[in-house]
Amino acid sequence: MEAKAISKYMKVSPQKARLVVDLIRGKKVDDAIGILSYTKKAISRDIMKVVKSAVANAENTKNLDVDKLYVKTVFVDPGPVMKRTHSKAMGRGALIRRRSSHVTVVLDEK
C-alpha cells in the first residue's frame, strides 16, 4: 500500500528541484531525510517537509510501518509561470519567467 504527499506551487524552478529529488529516489526514508538535511540546496528543506508529510500520511491513514518505508517514486512537475518584464536599453523590455514546481512523493513498504 502506498502513501502520498504533494506540495504545489513551490517557488523554485523544476530543473533545480529535480537535482535534489534525484538524490533520494529509491532510498529508505531515514536515509532520504538524512541526505536532505545535509544537502546545501535551499529547496532541500522544503522537499524534506514533503517527505515527512508522506511519512505521517503512511503512519496515520494507511497504518504502515515507518521503519519499512522507502521512497518509491518522487517527481517534480512544472507549475504556473509568473511573467515579469525588466527594463532594458533604448526602451526595450526583457521577459523574466519566475517558475514554480509541484513536488510529489510516494512511499511504500518493502
PDB file of N, CA and C in Angstrom:
ATOM      1  N   MET A   1       0.838  -1.175   0.000  1.00  0.00           N
ATOM      2  CA  MET A   1       0.000   0.000   0.000  1.00  0.00           C
ATOM      3  C   MET A   1       0.887   1.244   0.000  1.00  0.00           C
ATOM      4  N   GLU A   2       0.455   2.250  -0.684  1.00  0.00           N
ATOM      5  CA  GLU A   2       1.266   3.448  -0.857  1.00  0.00           C
ATOM      6  C   GLU A   2       0.710   4.609  -0.044  1.00  0.00           C
ATOM      7  N   ALA A   3       1.620   5.506   0.336  1.00  0.00           N
ATOM      8  CA  ALA A   3       1.250   6.772   0.960  1.00  0.00           C
ATOM      9  C   ALA A   3       1.846   7.882   0.124  1.00  0.00           C
ATOM     10  N   LYS A   4       1.086   8.969  -0.032  1.00  0.00           N
ATOM     11  CA  LYS A   4       1.493  10.007  -0.962  1.00  0.00           C
ATOM     12  C   LYS A   4       1.351  11.377  -0.310  1.00  0.00           C
ATOM     13  N   ALA A   5       2.234  12.299  -0.695  1.00  0.00           N
ATOM     14  CA  ALA A   5       2.140  13.702  -0.293  1.00  0.00           C
ATOM     15  C   ALA A   5       2.526  14.569  -1.480  1.00  0.00           C
ATOM     16  N   ILE A   6       1.797  15.677  -1.648  1.00  0.00           N
ATOM     17  CA  ILE A   6       2.035  16.585  -2.760  1.00  0.00           C
ATOM     18  C   ILE A   6       2.189  17.994  -2.218  1.00  0.00           C
ATOM     19  N   SER A   7       3.177  18.698  -2.731  1.00  0.00           N
ATOM     20  CA  SER A   7       3.344  20.116  -2.422  1.00  0.00           C
ATOM     21  C   SER A   7       3.273  20.877  -3.735  1.00  0.00           C
ATOM     22  N   LYS A   8       2.354  21.826  -3.799  1.00  0.00           N
ATOM     23  CA  LYS A   8       2.147  22.562  -5.044  1.00  0.00           C
ATOM     24  C   LYS A   8       2.648  23.991  -4.917  1.00  0.00           C
ATOM     25  N   TYR A   9       2.948  24.571  -6.047  1.00  0.00           N
ATOM     26  CA  TYR A   9       3.319  25.984  -6.173  1.00  0.00           C
ATOM     27  C   TYR A   9       4.572  26.342  -5.368  1.00  0.00           C
ATOM     28  N   MET A  10       5.564  25.469  -5.377  1.00  0.00           N
ATOM     29  CA  MET A  10       6.829  25.772  -4.709  1.00  0.00           C
ATOM     30  C   MET A  10       7.607  26.762  -5.564  1.00  0.00           C
ATOM     31  N   LYS A  11       8.181  27.770  -4.956  1.00  0.00           N
ATOM     32  CA  LYS A  11       8.832  28.859  -5.686  1.00  0.00           C
ATOM     33  C   LYS A  11      10.260  28.494  -6.061  1.00  0.00           C
ATOM     34  N   VAL A  12      10.390  27.490  -6.902  1.00  0.00           N
ATOM     35  CA  VAL A  12      11.688  27.073  -7.417  1.00  0.00           C
ATOM     36  C   VAL A  12      11.451  26.463  -8.795  1.00  0.00           C
ATOM     37  N   SER A  13      12.421  26.591  -9.661  1.00  0.00           N
ATOM     38  CA  SER A  13      12.252  26.020 -10.995  1.00  0.00           C
ATOM     39  C   SER A  13      12.319  24.491 -10.904  1.00  0.00           C
ATOM     40  N   PRO A  14      11.598  23.798 -11.765  1.00  0.00           N
ATOM     41  CA  PRO A  14      11.631  22.337 -11.728  1.00  0.00           C
ATOM     42  C   PRO A  14      13.022  21.767 -11.951  1.00  0.00           C
ATOM     43  N   GLN A  15      13.830  22.434 -12.757  1.00  0.00           N
ATOM     44  CA  GLN A  15      15.184  21.948 -13.019  1.00  0.00           C
ATOM     45  C   GLN A  15      16.006  21.900 -11.735  1.00  0.00           C
ATOM     46  N   LYS A  16      15.910  22.946 -10.911  1.00  0.00           N
ATOM     47  CA  LYS A  16      16.665  22.974  -9.659  1.00  0.00           C
ATOM     48  C   LYS A  16      16.117  21.970  -8.651  1.00  0.00           C
ATOM     49  N   ALA A  17      14.808  21.783  -8.626  1.00  0.00           N
ATOM     50  CA  ALA A  17      14.214  20.835  -7.689  1.00  0.00           C
ATOM     51  C   ALA A  17      14.556  19.403  -8.061  1.00  0.00           C
ATOM     52  N   ARG A  18      14.646  19.111  -9.353  1.00  0.00           N
ATOM     53  CA  ARG A  18      14.967  17.744  -9.784  1.00  0.00           C
ATOM     54  C   ARG A  18      16.379  17.332  -9.379  1.00  0.00           C
ATOM     55  N   LEU A  19      17.292  18.289  -9.261  1.00  0.00           N
ATOM     56  CA  LEU A  19      18.644  17.962  -8.806  1.00  0.00           C
ATOM     57  C   LEU A  19      18.624  17.361  -7.405  1.00  0.00           C
ATOM     58  N   VAL A  20      17.769  17.871  -6.543  1.00  0.00           N
ATOM     59  CA  VAL A  20      17.677  17.383  -5.166  1.00  0.00           C
ATOM     60  C   VAL A  20      16.850  16.109  -5.102  1.00  0.00           C
ATOM     61  N   VAL A  21      15.766  16.062  -5.858  1.00  0.00           N
ATOM     62  CA  VAL A  21      14.863  14.914  -5.833  1.00  0.00           C
ATOM     63  C   VAL A  21      15.563  13.643  -6.315  1.00  0.00           C
ATOM     64  N   ASP A  22      16.467  13.786  -7.277  1.00  0.00           N
ATOM     65  CA  ASP A  22      17.177  12.623  -7.797  1.00  0.00           C
ATOM     66  C   ASP A  22      18.070  11.962  -6.750  1.00  0.00           C
ATOM     67  N   LEU A  23      18.439  12.700  -5.701  1.00  0.00           N
ATOM     68  CA  LEU A  23      19.303  12.145  -4.666  1.00  0.00           C
ATOM     69  C   LEU A  23      18.583  11.130  -3.782  1.00  0.00           C
ATOM     70  N   ILE A  24      17.262  11.253  -3.631  1.00  0.00           N
ATOM     71  CA  ILE A  24      16.546  10.418  -2.658  1.00  0.00           C
ATOM     72  C   ILE A  24      15.689   9.334  -3.291  1.00  0.00           C
ATOM     73  N   ARG A  25      15.593   9.282  -4.580  1.00  0.00           N
ATOM     74  CA  ARG A  25      14.729   8.299  -5.233  1.00  0.00           C
ATOM     75  C   ARG A  25      15.228   6.885  -4.954  1.00  0.00           C
ATOM     76  N   GLY A  26      14.334   6.027  -4.428  1.00  0.00           N
ATOM     77  CA  GLY A  26      14.665   4.640  -4.154  1.00  0.00           C
ATOM     78  C   GLY A  26      15.317   4.380  -2.811  1.00  0.00           C
ATOM     79  N   LYS A  27      15.555   5.403  -2.019  1.00  0.00           N
ATOM     80  CA  LYS A  27      16.229   5.245  -0.721  1.00  0.00           C
ATOM     81  C   LYS A  27      15.209   4.956   0.380  1.00  0.00           C
ATOM     82  N   LYS A  28      15.700   4.439   1.503  1.00  0.00           N
ATOM     83  CA  LYS A  28      14.859   4.303   2.686  1.00  0.00           C
ATOM     84  C   LYS A  28      14.554   5.694   3.227  1.00  0.00           C
ATOM     85  N   VAL A  29      13.465   5.820   3.951  1.00  0.00           N
ATOM     86  CA  VAL A  29      13.011   7.137   4.407  1.00  0.00           C
ATOM     87  C   VAL A  29      14.032   7.777   5.348  1.00  0.00           C
ATOM     88  N   ASP A  30      14.606   6.994   6.251  1.00  0.00           N
ATOM     89  CA  ASP A  30      15.605   7.549   7.171  1.00  0.00           C
ATOM     90  C   ASP A  30      16.820   8.065   6.411  1.00  0.00           C
ATOM     91  N   ASP A  31      17.263   7.311   5.414  1.00  0.00           N
ATOM     92  CA  ASP A  31      18.401   7.756   4.601  1.00  0.00           C
ATOM     93  C   ASP A  31      18.054   9.002   3.790  1.00  0.00           C
ATOM     94  N   ALA A  32      16.835   9.046   3.266  1.00  0.00           N
ATOM     95  CA  ALA A  32      16.415  10.195   2.456  1.00  0.00           C
ATOM     96  C   ALA A  32      16.377  11.467   3.291  1.00  0.00           C
ATOM     97  N   ILE A  33      15.860  11.392   4.508  1.00  0.00           N
ATOM     98  CA  ILE A  33      15.811  12.572   5.378  1.00  0.00           C
ATOM     99  C   ILE A  33      17.215  12.998   5.768  1.00  0.00           C
ATOM    100  N   GLY A  34      18.099  12.035   5.995  1.00  0.00           N
ATOM    101  CA  GLY A  34      19.495  12.363   6.303  1.00  0.00           C
ATOM    102  C   GLY A  34      20.197  13.047   5.144  1.00  0.00           C
ATOM    103  N   ILE A  35      19.961  12.548   3.939  1.00  0.00           N
ATOM    104  CA  ILE A  35      20.565  13.162   2.751  1.00  0.00           C
ATOM    105  C   ILE A  35      20.056  14.582   2.570  1.00  0.00           C
ATOM    106  N   LEU A  36      18.752  14.773   2.735  1.00  0.00           N
ATOM    107  CA  LEU A  36      18.171  16.100   2.544  1.00  0.00           C
ATOM    108  C   LEU A  36      18.627  17.093   3.607  1.00  0.00           C
ATOM    109  N   SER A  37      18.864  16.607   4.815  1.00  0.00           N
ATOM    110  CA  SER A  37      19.276  17.536   5.875  1.00  0.00           C
ATOM    111  C   SER A  37      20.701  18.042   5.664  1.00  0.00           C
ATOM    112  N   TYR A  38      21.525  17.299   4.933  1.00  0.00           N
ATOM    113  CA  TYR A  38      22.903  17.731   4.691  1.00  0.00           C
ATOM    114  C   TYR A  38      23.137  18.265   3.278  1.00  0.00           C
ATOM    115  N   THR A  39      22.085  18.359   2.477  1.00  0.00           N
ATOM    116  CA  THR A  39      22.217  18.921   1.142  1.00  0.00           C
ATOM    117  C   THR A  39      22.189  20.441   1.238  1.00  0.00           C
ATOM    118  N   LYS A  40      23.063  21.117   0.515  1.00  0.00           N
ATOM    119  CA  LYS A  40      23.204  22.560   0.642  1.00  0.00           C
ATOM    120  C   LYS A  40      22.193  23.361  -0.175  1.00  0.00           C
ATOM    121  N   LYS A  41      21.444  22.729  -1.034  1.00  0.00           N
ATOM    122  CA  LYS A  41      20.450  23.434  -1.837  1.00  0.00           C
ATOM    123  C   LYS A  41      19.313  23.929  -0.937  1.00  0.00           C
ATOM    124  N   ALA A  42      18.800  25.108  -1.232  1.00  0.00           N
ATOM    125  CA  ALA A  42      17.754  25.701  -0.403  1.00  0.00           C
ATOM    126  C   ALA A  42      16.442  24.924  -0.487  1.00  0.00           C
ATOM    127  N   ILE A  43      16.165  24.303  -1.613  1.00  0.00           N
ATOM    128  CA  ILE A  43      14.913  23.596  -1.792  1.00  0.00           C
ATOM    129  C   ILE A  43      14.880  22.284  -1.012  1.00  0.00           C
ATOM    130  N   SER A  44      16.018  21.782  -0.566  1.00  0.00           N
ATOM    131  CA  SER A  44      16.051  20.501   0.140  1.00  0.00           C
ATOM    132  C   SER A  44      15.239  20.545   1.432  1.00  0.00           C
ATOM    133  N   ARG A  45      15.176  21.707   2.077  1.00  0.00           N
ATOM    134  CA  ARG A  45      14.390  21.840   3.312  1.00  0.00           C
ATOM    135  C   ARG A  45      12.902  21.658   3.012  1.00  0.00           C
ATOM    136  N   ASP A  46      12.426  22.217   1.910  1.00  0.00           N
ATOM    137  CA  ASP A  46      11.017  22.089   1.548  1.00  0.00           C
ATOM    138  C   ASP A  46      10.682  20.670   1.090  1.00  0.00           C
ATOM    139  N   ILE A  47      11.599  20.022   0.395  1.00  0.00           N
ATOM    140  CA  ILE A  47      11.364  18.643  -0.032  1.00  0.00           C
ATOM    141  C   ILE A  47      11.355  17.709   1.175  1.00  0.00           C
ATOM    142  N   MET A  48      12.181  18.025   2.181  1.00  0.00           N
ATOM    143  CA  MET A  48      12.175  17.221   3.402  1.00  0.00           C
ATOM    144  C   MET A  48      10.817  17.321   4.098  1.00  0.00           C
ATOM    145  N   LYS A  49      10.180  18.486   4.062  1.00  0.00           N
ATOM    146  CA  LYS A  49       8.842  18.636   4.636  1.00  0.00           C
ATOM    147  C   LYS A  49       7.834  17.750   3.920  1.00  0.00           C
ATOM    148  N   VAL A  50       7.960  17.644   2.613  1.00  0.00           N
ATOM    149  CA  VAL A  50       7.032  16.805   1.849  1.00  0.00           C
ATOM    150  C   VAL A  50       7.250  15.332   2.195  1.00  0.00           C
ATOM    151  N   VAL A  51       8.503  14.915   2.343  1.00  0.00           N
ATOM    152  CA  VAL A  51       8.801  13.522   2.707  1.00  0.00           C
ATOM    153  C   VAL A  51       8.248  13.218   4.103  1.00  0.00           C
ATOM    154  N   LYS A  52       8.431  14.130   5.048  1.00  0.00           N
ATOM    155  CA  LYS A  52       7.903  13.917   6.401  1.00  0.00           C
ATOM    156  C   LYS A  52       6.382  13.890   6.405  1.00  0.00           C
ATOM    157  N   SER A  53       5.759  14.675   5.546  1.00  0.00           N
ATOM    158  CA  SER A  53       4.307  14.650   5.425  1.00  0.00           C
ATOM    159  C   SER A  53       3.826  13.317   4.881  1.00  0.00           C
ATOM    160  N   ALA A  54       4.546  12.764   3.922  1.00  0.00           N
ATOM    161  CA  ALA A  54       4.193  11.453   3.377  1.00  0.00           C
ATOM    162  C   ALA A  54       4.358  10.363   4.429  1.00  0.00           C
ATOM    163  N   VAL A  55       5.392  10.494   5.277  1.00  0.00           N
ATOM    164  CA  VAL A  55       5.587   9.530   6.368  1.00  0.00           C
ATOM    165  C   VAL A  55       4.421   9.609   7.349  1.00  0.00           C
ATOM    166  N   ALA A  56       3.986  10.821   7.672  1.00  0.00           N
ATOM    167  CA  ALA A  56       2.857  10.992   8.581  1.00  0.00           C
ATOM    168  C   ALA A  56       1.572  10.424   7.970  1.00  0.00           C
ATOM    169  N   ASN A  57       1.380  10.619   6.657  1.00  0.00           N
ATOM    170  CA  ASN A  57       0.214  10.042   5.994  1.00  0.00           C
ATOM    171  C   ASN A  57       0.255   8.519   6.032  1.00  0.00           C
ATOM    172  N   ALA A  58       1.438   7.945   5.853  1.00  0.00           N
ATOM    173  CA  ALA A  58       1.576   6.488   5.878  1.00  0.00           C
ATOM    174  C   ALA A  58       1.276   5.943   7.264  1.00  0.00           C
ATOM    175  N   GLU A  59       1.727   6.651   8.268  1.00  0.00           N
ATOM    176  CA  GLU A  59       1.561   6.168   9.636  1.00  0.00           C
ATOM    177  C   GLU A  59       0.118   6.328  10.126  1.00  0.00           C
ATOM    178  N   ASN A  60      -0.496   7.439   9.822  1.00  0.00           N
ATOM    179  CA  ASN A  60      -1.798   7.746  10.407  1.00  0.00           C
ATOM    180  C   ASN A  60      -2.986   7.261   9.589  1.00  0.00           C
ATOM    181  N   THR A  61      -2.906   7.329   8.271  1.00  0.00           N
ATOM    182  CA  THR A  61      -4.066   6.952   7.463  1.00  0.00           C
ATOM    183  C   THR A  61      -3.960   5.555   6.871  1.00  0.00           C
ATOM    184  N   LYS A  62      -2.755   5.111   6.550  1.00  0.00           N
ATOM    185  CA  LYS A  62      -2.590   3.801   5.917  1.00  0.00           C
ATOM    186  C   LYS A  62      -2.128   2.719   6.880  1.00  0.00           C
ATOM    187  N   ASN A  63      -1.742   3.092   8.128  1.00  0.00           N
ATOM    188  CA  ASN A  63      -1.265   2.160   9.151  1.00  0.00           C
ATOM    189  C   ASN A  63      -0.077   1.326   8.662  1.00  0.00           C
ATOM    190  N   LEU A  64       0.891   1.993   8.034  1.00  0.00           N
ATOM    191  CA  LEU A  64       2.099   1.325   7.549  1.00  0.00           C
ATOM    192  C   LEU A  64       3.200   1.434   8.592  1.00  0.00           C
ATOM    193  N   ASP A  65       4.147   0.499   8.551  1.00  0.00           N
ATOM    194  CA  ASP A  65       5.291   0.514   9.457  1.00  0.00           C
ATOM    195  C   ASP A  65       6.316   1.521   8.946  1.00  0.00           C
ATOM    196  N   VAL A  66       6.651   2.497   9.777  1.00  0.00           N
ATOM    197  CA  VAL A  66       7.543   3.584   9.357  1.00  0.00           C
ATOM    198  C   VAL A  66       8.952   3.079   9.083  1.00  0.00           C
ATOM    199  N   ASP A  67       9.389   2.054   9.801  1.00  0.00           N
ATOM    200  CA  ASP A  67      10.752   1.542   9.633  1.00  0.00           C
ATOM    201  C   ASP A  67      10.954   0.826   8.298  1.00  0.00           C
ATOM    202  N   LYS A  68       9.876   0.372   7.667  1.00  0.00           N
ATOM    203  CA  LYS A  68       9.986  -0.362   6.404  1.00  0.00           C
ATOM    204  C   LYS A  68       9.735   0.508   5.183  1.00  0.00           C
ATOM    205  N   LEU A  69       9.499   1.799   5.371  1.00  0.00           N
ATOM    206  CA  LEU A  69       9.143   2.667   4.246  1.00  0.00           C
ATOM    207  C   LEU A  69      10.368   3.029   3.407  1.00  0.00           C
ATOM    208  N   TYR A  70      10.139   3.167   2.117  1.00  0.00           N
ATOM    209  CA  TYR A  70      11.155   3.666   1.202  1.00  0.00           C
ATOM    210  C   TYR A  70      10.482   4.589   0.191  1.00  0.00           C
ATOM    211  N   VAL A  71      11.277   5.401  -0.469  1.00  0.00           N
ATOM    212  CA  VAL A  71      10.764   6.352  -1.447  1.00  0.00           C
ATOM    213  C   VAL A  71      10.565   5.594  -2.760  1.00  0.00           C
ATOM    214  N   LYS A  72       9.314   5.283  -3.061  1.00  0.00           N
ATOM    215  CA  LYS A  72       9.016   4.513  -4.273  1.00  0.00           C
ATOM    216  C   LYS A  72       9.179   5.403  -5.505  1.00  0.00           C
ATOM    217  N   THR A  73       8.468   6.494  -5.549  1.00  0.00           N
ATOM    218  CA  THR A  73       8.623   7.449  -6.640  1.00  0.00           C
ATOM    219  C   THR A  73       8.601   8.862  -6.071  1.00  0.00           C
ATOM    220  N   VAL A  74       9.347   9.715  -6.695  1.00  0.00           N
ATOM    221  CA  VAL A  74       9.328  11.136  -6.360  1.00  0.00           C
ATOM    222  C   VAL A  74       9.603  11.880  -7.659  1.00  0.00           C
ATOM    223  N   PHE A  75       8.760  12.860  -7.950  1.00  0.00           N
ATOM    224  CA  PHE A  75       8.931  13.589  -9.204  1.00  0.00           C
ATOM    225  C   PHE A  75       8.502  15.033  -9.036  1.00  0.00           C
ATOM    226  N   VAL A  76       8.980  15.858  -9.957  1.00  0.00           N
ATOM    227  CA  VAL A  76       8.717  17.295  -9.949  1.00  0.00           C
ATOM    228  C   VAL A  76       8.071  17.659 -11.281  1.00  0.00           C
ATOM    229  N   ASP A  77       6.905  18.265 -11.193  1.00  0.00           N
ATOM    230  CA  ASP A  77       6.209  18.746 -12.380  1.00  0.00           C
ATOM    231  C   ASP A  77       6.272  20.268 -12.405  1.00  0.00           C
ATOM    232  N   PRO A  78       6.268  20.863 -13.589  1.00  0.00           N
ATOM    233  CA  PRO A  78       6.263  22.329 -13.641  1.00  0.00           C
ATOM    234  C   PRO A  78       4.907  22.888 -13.241  1.00  0.00           C
ATOM    235  N   GLY A  79       4.947  23.986 -12.517  1.00  0.00           N
ATOM    236  CA  GLY A  79       3.737  24.695 -12.137  1.00  0.00           C
ATOM    237  C   GLY A  79       3.552  25.911 -13.019  1.00  0.00           C
ATOM    238  N   PRO A  80       2.672  26.808 -12.629  1.00  0.00           N
ATOM    239  CA  PRO A  80       2.463  28.019 -13.427  1.00  0.00           C
ATOM    240  C   PRO A  80       3.682  28.935 -13.399  1.00  0.00           C
ATOM    241  N   VAL A  81       3.834  29.707 -14.461  1.00  0.00           N
ATOM    242  CA  VAL A  81       4.977  30.607 -14.604  1.00  0.00           C
ATOM    243  C   VAL A  81       4.470  32.046 -14.505  1.00  0.00           C
ATOM    244  N   MET A  82       5.058  32.813 -13.573  1.00  0.00           N
ATOM    245  CA  MET A  82       4.736  34.237 -13.494  1.00  0.00           C
ATOM    246  C   MET A  82       5.654  34.972 -14.456  1.00  0.00           C
ATOM    247  N   LYS A  83       5.080  35.803 -15.305  1.00  0.00           N
ATOM    248  CA  LYS A  83       5.879  36.509 -16.293  1.00  0.00           C
ATOM    249  C   LYS A  83       5.999  37.975 -15.885  1.00  0.00           C
ATOM    250  N   ARG A  84       7.230  38.448 -15.813  1.00  0.00           N
ATOM    251  CA  ARG A  84       7.524  39.823 -15.436  1.00  0.00           C
ATOM    252  C   ARG A  84       8.424  40.425 -16.503  1.00  0.00           C
ATOM    253  N   THR A  85       8.468  41.747 -16.561  1.00  0.00           N
ATOM    254  CA  THR A  85       9.361  42.401 -17.512  1.00  0.00           C
ATOM    255  C   THR A  85      10.412  43.194 -16.757  1.00  0.00           C
ATOM    256  N   HIS A  86      11.552  43.306 -17.385  1.00  0.00           N
ATOM    257  CA  HIS A  86      12.678  44.045 -16.846  1.00  0.00           C
ATOM    258  C   HIS A  86      13.090  45.065 -17.894  1.00  0.00           C
ATOM    259  N   SER A  87      13.229  46.315 -17.502  1.00  0.00           N
ATOM    260  CA  SER A  87      13.561  47.372 -18.461  1.00  0.00           C
ATOM    261  C   SER A  87      14.983  47.208 -18.973  1.00  0.00           C
ATOM    262  N   LYS A  88      15.125  47.414 -20.266  1.00  0.00           N
ATOM    263  CA  LYS A  88      16.429  47.322 -20.916  1.00  0.00           C
ATOM    264  C   LYS A  88      16.719  48.621 -21.658  1.00  0.00           C
ATOM    265  N   ALA A  89      17.833  48.648 -22.334  1.00  0.00           N
ATOM    266  CA  ALA A  89      18.279  49.863 -23.020  1.00  0.00           C
ATOM    267  C   ALA A  89      17.370  50.207 -24.192  1.00  0.00           C
ATOM    268  N   MET A  90      17.311  51.474 -24.519  1.00  0.00           N
ATOM    269  CA  MET A  90      16.587  52.013 -25.665  1.00  0.00           C
ATOM    270  C   MET A  90      15.097  51.672 -25.631  1.00  0.00           C
ATOM    271  N   GLY A  91      14.504  51.666 -24.443  1.00  0.00           N
ATOM    272  CA  GLY A  91      13.072  51.467 -24.315  1.00  0.00           C
ATOM    273  C   GLY A  91      12.585  50.051 -24.493  1.00  0.00           C
ATOM    274  N   ARG A  92      13.478  49.122 -24.536  1.00  0.00           N
ATOM    275  CA  ARG A  92      13.081  47.728 -24.711  1.00  0.00           C
ATOM    276  C   ARG A  92      12.789  47.098 -23.353  1.00  0.00           C
ATOM    277  N   GLY A  93      12.186  45.931 -23.390  1.00  0.00           N
ATOM    278  CA  GLY A  93      11.910  45.176 -22.171  1.00  0.00           C
ATOM    279  C   GLY A  93      12.310  43.729 -22.347  1.00  0.00           C
ATOM    280  N   ALA A  94      12.759  43.123 -21.278  1.00  0.00           N
ATOM    281  CA  ALA A  94      13.135  41.712 -21.310  1.00  0.00           C
ATOM    282  C   ALA A  94      12.163  40.937 -20.426  1.00  0.00           C
ATOM    283  N   LEU A  95      11.792  39.743 -20.857  1.00  0.00           N
ATOM    284  CA  LEU A  95      10.846  38.914 -20.131  1.00  0.00           C
ATOM    285  C   LEU A  95      11.578  38.100 -19.076  1.00  0.00           C
ATOM    286  N   ILE A  96      11.070  38.139 -17.845  1.00  0.00           N
ATOM    287  CA  ILE A  96      11.597  37.323 -16.762  1.00  0.00           C
ATOM    288  C   ILE A  96      10.527  36.292 -16.416  1.00  0.00           C
ATOM    289  N   ARG A  97      10.906  35.026 -16.399  1.00  0.00           N
ATOM    290  CA  ARG A  97       9.974  33.952 -16.063  1.00  0.00           C
ATOM    291  C   ARG A  97      10.296  33.448 -14.667  1.00  0.00           C
ATOM    292  N   ARG A  98       9.340  33.575 -13.761  1.00  0.00           N
ATOM    293  CA  ARG A  98       9.503  33.049 -12.399  1.00  0.00           C
ATOM    294  C   ARG A  98       8.735  31.733 -12.333  1.00  0.00           C
ATOM    295  N   ARG A  99       9.481  30.663 -12.359  1.00  0.00           N
ATOM    296  CA  ARG A  99       8.881  29.341 -12.469  1.00  0.00           C
ATOM    297  C   ARG A  99       8.493  28.803 -11.098  1.00  0.00           C
ATOM    298  N   SER A 100       7.545  27.872 -11.083  1.00  0.00           N
ATOM    299  CA  SER A 100       7.145  27.198  -9.857  1.00  0.00           C
ATOM    300  C   SER A 100       7.056  25.699 -10.140  1.00  0.00           C
ATOM    301  N   SER A 101       6.953  24.919  -9.072  1.00  0.00           N
ATOM    302  CA  SER A 101       7.003  23.466  -9.191  1.00  0.00           C
ATOM    303  C   SER A 101       5.939  22.809  -8.328  1.00  0.00           C
ATOM    304  N   HIS A 102       5.545  21.608  -8.742  1.00  0.00           N
ATOM    305  CA  HIS A 102       4.703  20.726  -7.943  1.00  0.00           C
ATOM    306  C   HIS A 102       5.538  19.477  -7.645  1.00  0.00           C
ATOM    307  N   VAL A 103       5.739  19.169  -6.357  1.00  0.00           N
ATOM    308  CA  VAL A 103       6.556  18.018  -5.947  1.00  0.00           C
ATOM    309  C   VAL A 103       5.635  16.940  -5.392  1.00  0.00           C
ATOM    310  N   THR A 104       5.795  15.706  -5.873  1.00  0.00           N
ATOM    311  CA  THR A 104       5.008  14.566  -5.415  1.00  0.00           C
ATOM    312  C   THR A 104       5.951  13.493  -4.887  1.00  0.00           C
ATOM    313  N   VAL A 105       5.649  12.985  -3.676  1.00  0.00           N
ATOM    314  CA  VAL A 105       6.438  11.928  -3.050  1.00  0.00           C
ATOM    315  C   VAL A 105       5.497  10.757  -2.756  1.00  0.00           C
ATOM    316  N   VAL A 106       5.877   9.558  -3.209  1.00  0.00           N
ATOM    317  CA  VAL A 106       5.115   8.343  -2.956  1.00  0.00           C
ATOM    318  C   VAL A 106       5.998   7.376  -2.188  1.00  0.00           C
ATOM    319  N   LEU A 107       5.506   6.925  -1.029  1.00  0.00           N
ATOM    320  CA  LEU A 107       6.251   5.972  -0.190  1.00  0.00           C
ATOM    321  C   LEU A 107       5.551   4.624  -0.212  1.00  0.00           C
ATOM    322  N   ASP A 108       6.326   3.565  -0.004  1.00  0.00           N
ATOM    323  CA  ASP A 108       5.763   2.219   0.045  1.00  0.00           C
ATOM    324  C   ASP A 108       6.585   1.382   1.022  1.00  0.00           C
ATOM    325  N   GLU A 109       6.005   0.262   1.449  1.00  0.00           N
ATOM    326  CA  GLU A 109       6.709  -0.659   2.348  1.00  0.00           C
ATOM    327  C   GLU A 109       7.501  -1.683   1.536  1.00  0.00           C
ATOM    328  N   LYS A 110       8.632  -2.104   2.109  1.00  0.00           N
ATOM    329  CA  LYS A 110       9.394  -3.183   1.477  1.00  0.00           C
ATOM    330  C   LYS A 110       8.986  -4.504   2.058  1.00  0.00           C
TER     331      LYS A 110
END
